[in-house]
Amino acid sequence: MFSHHVEYYSEFVNLAGLASGAKVRVGGMDAGEVMSIEVPDSPSSRFRVKWKIDSKLGGLVRNEFHRHY
């Protein structure tokens, strides 16, 4: 079955081994995956991570993440 997903963007200074395809967990449950990682242009910039989760769990995601439909 196909499920609906919501995409988010987050920015990080350090990825600590995070990779595209990694599982995203919300509330201790497997909820989605990392879709892509953009490398920063300069040392002072941050990594931009695009990730998706099952739309049923979207209410558990904190507001500081940027939602993309």
N, C-alpha and C. Protein backbone atom coordinates (compact mmCIF):
# COMPACT_ATOMS: atom_id res chain seq x y z
N MET A 1 0.83 -1.19 0.00
CA MET A 1 0.00 0.00 0.00
C MET A 1 0.87 1.25 0.00
N PHE A 2 0.35 2.27 -0.62
CA PHE A 2 1.05 3.55 -0.63
C PHE A 2 0.55 4.39 0.54
N SER A 3 1.47 5.06 1.20
CA SER A 3 1.05 5.96 2.27
C SER A 3 1.48 7.38 1.90
N HIS A 4 0.80 8.34 2.49
CA HIS A 4 1.13 9.73 2.22
C HIS A 4 2.24 10.18 3.15
N HIS A 5 3.13 10.99 2.61
CA HIS A 5 4.25 11.49 3.38
C HIS A 5 4.26 13.01 3.37
N VAL A 6 4.87 13.57 4.39
CA VAL A 6 5.10 15.01 4.47
C VAL A 6 6.61 15.19 4.46
N GLU A 7 7.08 16.16 3.67
CA GLU A 7 8.51 16.43 3.58
C GLU A 7 8.88 17.60 4.49
N TYR A 8 10.06 17.51 5.08
CA TYR A 8 10.58 18.56 5.96
C TYR A 8 12.01 18.87 5.58
N TYR A 9 12.46 20.06 5.97
CA TYR A 9 13.85 20.45 5.83
C TYR A 9 14.37 20.83 7.20
N SER A 10 15.58 20.44 7.50
CA SER A 10 16.24 20.80 8.75
C SER A 10 17.67 21.20 8.41
N GLU A 11 18.26 22.02 9.25
CA GLU A 11 19.65 22.42 9.05
C GLU A 11 20.48 22.01 10.25
N PHE A 12 21.69 21.49 9.98
CA PHE A 12 22.57 20.99 11.01
C PHE A 12 23.99 21.49 10.78
N VAL A 13 24.70 21.74 11.86
CA VAL A 13 26.11 22.10 11.78
C VAL A 13 26.94 20.84 11.54
N ASN A 14 26.57 19.74 12.20
CA ASN A 14 27.30 18.49 12.12
C ASN A 14 26.30 17.36 11.89
N LEU A 15 26.57 16.49 10.94
CA LEU A 15 25.64 15.41 10.63
C LEU A 15 25.92 14.14 11.43
N ALA A 16 27.10 14.01 12.00
CA ALA A 16 27.46 12.85 12.82
C ALA A 16 27.09 11.52 12.16
N GLY A 17 27.45 11.35 10.91
CA GLY A 17 27.24 10.09 10.21
C GLY A 17 25.89 9.91 9.54
N LEU A 18 25.04 10.92 9.55
CA LEU A 18 23.74 10.83 8.89
C LEU A 18 23.94 10.70 7.38
N ALA A 19 23.13 9.85 6.73
CA ALA A 19 23.27 9.63 5.30
C ALA A 19 21.90 9.55 4.64
N SER A 20 21.85 9.82 3.34
CA SER A 20 20.61 9.67 2.58
C SER A 20 20.14 8.23 2.72
N GLY A 21 18.83 8.06 2.87
CA GLY A 21 18.26 6.73 3.03
C GLY A 21 18.15 6.28 4.47
N ALA A 22 18.75 7.04 5.39
CA ALA A 22 18.68 6.67 6.81
C ALA A 22 17.24 6.74 7.30
N LYS A 23 16.88 5.87 8.23
CA LYS A 23 15.54 5.87 8.80
C LYS A 23 15.35 7.09 9.70
N VAL A 24 14.15 7.64 9.66
CA VAL A 24 13.75 8.72 10.57
C VAL A 24 12.81 8.10 11.58
N ARG A 25 13.08 8.34 12.86
CA ARG A 25 12.24 7.81 13.93
C ARG A 25 11.53 8.97 14.63
N VAL A 26 10.25 8.77 14.89
CA VAL A 26 9.44 9.76 15.60
C VAL A 26 8.72 9.03 16.72
N GLY A 27 8.87 9.51 17.93
CA GLY A 27 8.22 8.86 19.06
C GLY A 27 8.64 7.42 19.22
N GLY A 28 9.88 7.10 18.85
CA GLY A 28 10.40 5.74 18.97
C GLY A 28 9.97 4.79 17.87
N MET A 29 9.26 5.30 16.87
CA MET A 29 8.78 4.45 15.77
C MET A 29 9.46 4.83 14.46
N ASP A 30 9.70 3.84 13.60
CA ASP A 30 10.19 4.14 12.26
C ASP A 30 9.08 4.89 11.54
N ALA A 31 9.41 6.09 11.04
CA ALA A 31 8.37 6.94 10.49
C ALA A 31 8.66 7.42 9.08
N GLY A 32 9.89 7.30 8.61
CA GLY A 32 10.23 7.80 7.28
C GLY A 32 11.70 7.63 6.99
N GLU A 33 12.22 8.52 6.13
CA GLU A 33 13.64 8.42 5.77
C GLU A 33 14.21 9.75 5.33
N VAL A 34 15.54 9.83 5.38
CA VAL A 34 16.27 10.99 4.89
C VAL A 34 16.29 10.88 3.37
N MET A 35 15.85 11.94 2.69
CA MET A 35 15.77 11.91 1.22
C MET A 35 17.02 12.46 0.56
N SER A 36 17.59 13.55 1.12
CA SER A 36 18.80 14.13 0.53
C SER A 36 19.50 15.00 1.56
N ILE A 37 20.78 15.25 1.29
CA ILE A 37 21.60 16.12 2.14
C ILE A 37 22.35 17.07 1.24
N GLU A 38 22.18 18.38 1.48
CA GLU A 38 22.91 19.39 0.71
C GLU A 38 24.11 19.83 1.53
N VAL A 39 25.29 19.79 0.90
CA VAL A 39 26.53 20.20 1.54
C VAL A 39 26.60 21.72 1.54
N PRO A 40 27.04 22.33 2.65
CA PRO A 40 27.09 23.80 2.72
C PRO A 40 28.12 24.40 1.77
N ASP A 41 27.86 25.66 1.37
CA ASP A 41 28.76 26.38 0.47
C ASP A 41 30.03 26.84 1.18
N SER A 42 29.93 27.13 2.47
CA SER A 42 31.07 27.65 3.22
C SER A 42 31.11 27.01 4.60
N PRO A 43 32.25 27.10 5.28
CA PRO A 43 32.37 26.51 6.62
C PRO A 43 31.37 27.08 7.63
N SER A 44 30.91 28.30 7.44
CA SER A 44 29.98 28.90 8.38
C SER A 44 28.51 28.52 8.10
N SER A 45 28.27 27.85 6.97
CA SER A 45 26.91 27.43 6.61
C SER A 45 26.59 26.08 7.24
N ARG A 46 25.34 25.68 7.12
CA ARG A 46 24.89 24.41 7.69
C ARG A 46 24.51 23.41 6.60
N PHE A 47 24.54 22.13 6.95
CA PHE A 47 24.04 21.09 6.07
C PHE A 47 22.51 21.20 6.05
N ARG A 48 21.91 21.06 4.88
CA ARG A 48 20.44 21.11 4.77
C ARG A 48 19.96 19.69 4.45
N VAL A 49 19.12 19.16 5.31
CA VAL A 49 18.65 17.79 5.19
C VAL A 49 17.17 17.79 4.82
N LYS A 50 16.83 17.08 3.77
CA LYS A 50 15.43 16.90 3.35
C LYS A 50 15.02 15.50 3.80
N TRP A 51 13.92 15.42 4.54
CA TRP A 51 13.45 14.14 5.04
C TRP A 51 11.95 14.07 4.95
N LYS A 52 11.42 12.85 4.98
CA LYS A 52 9.98 12.67 4.89
C LYS A 52 9.53 11.70 5.97
N ILE A 53 8.29 11.91 6.44
CA ILE A 53 7.70 10.99 7.38
C ILE A 53 6.26 10.71 6.97
N ASP A 54 5.71 9.65 7.49
CA ASP A 54 4.32 9.30 7.24
C ASP A 54 3.45 10.43 7.76
N SER A 55 2.51 10.87 6.96
CA SER A 55 1.67 12.02 7.33
C SER A 55 0.87 11.77 8.61
N LYS A 56 0.62 10.53 8.95
CA LYS A 56 -0.11 10.21 10.18
C LYS A 56 0.68 10.60 11.43
N LEU A 57 2.01 10.70 11.29
CA LEU A 57 2.86 11.04 12.43
C LEU A 57 3.33 12.49 12.41
N GLY A 58 2.86 13.26 11.44
CA GLY A 58 3.29 14.65 11.29
C GLY A 58 3.02 15.51 12.51
N GLY A 59 1.97 15.21 13.26
CA GLY A 59 1.65 15.98 14.45
C GLY A 59 2.67 15.84 15.56
N LEU A 60 3.53 14.83 15.48
CA LEU A 60 4.55 14.61 16.50
C LEU A 60 5.84 15.39 16.23
N VAL A 61 5.95 15.99 15.03
CA VAL A 61 7.16 16.71 14.66
C VAL A 61 7.10 18.13 15.23
N ARG A 62 8.18 18.55 15.87
CA ARG A 62 8.21 19.88 16.48
C ARG A 62 8.20 20.97 15.41
N ASN A 63 7.74 22.16 15.77
CA ASN A 63 7.53 23.26 14.84
C ASN A 63 8.79 23.87 14.25
N GLU A 64 9.96 23.65 14.83
CA GLU A 64 11.14 24.32 14.30
C GLU A 64 11.62 23.72 12.97
N PHE A 65 11.05 22.61 12.54
CA PHE A 65 11.40 22.04 11.25
C PHE A 65 10.54 22.69 10.19
N HIS A 66 11.08 22.84 9.01
CA HIS A 66 10.38 23.52 7.92
C HIS A 66 9.63 22.48 7.10
N ARG A 67 8.32 22.63 7.02
CA ARG A 67 7.47 21.68 6.31
C ARG A 67 7.40 22.06 4.84
N HIS A 68 7.39 21.04 3.99
CA HIS A 68 7.30 21.23 2.54
C HIS A 68 6.28 20.22 2.02
N TYR A 69 5.32 20.67 1.24
CA TYR A 69 4.29 19.76 0.71
C TYR A 69 4.59 19.40 -0.71
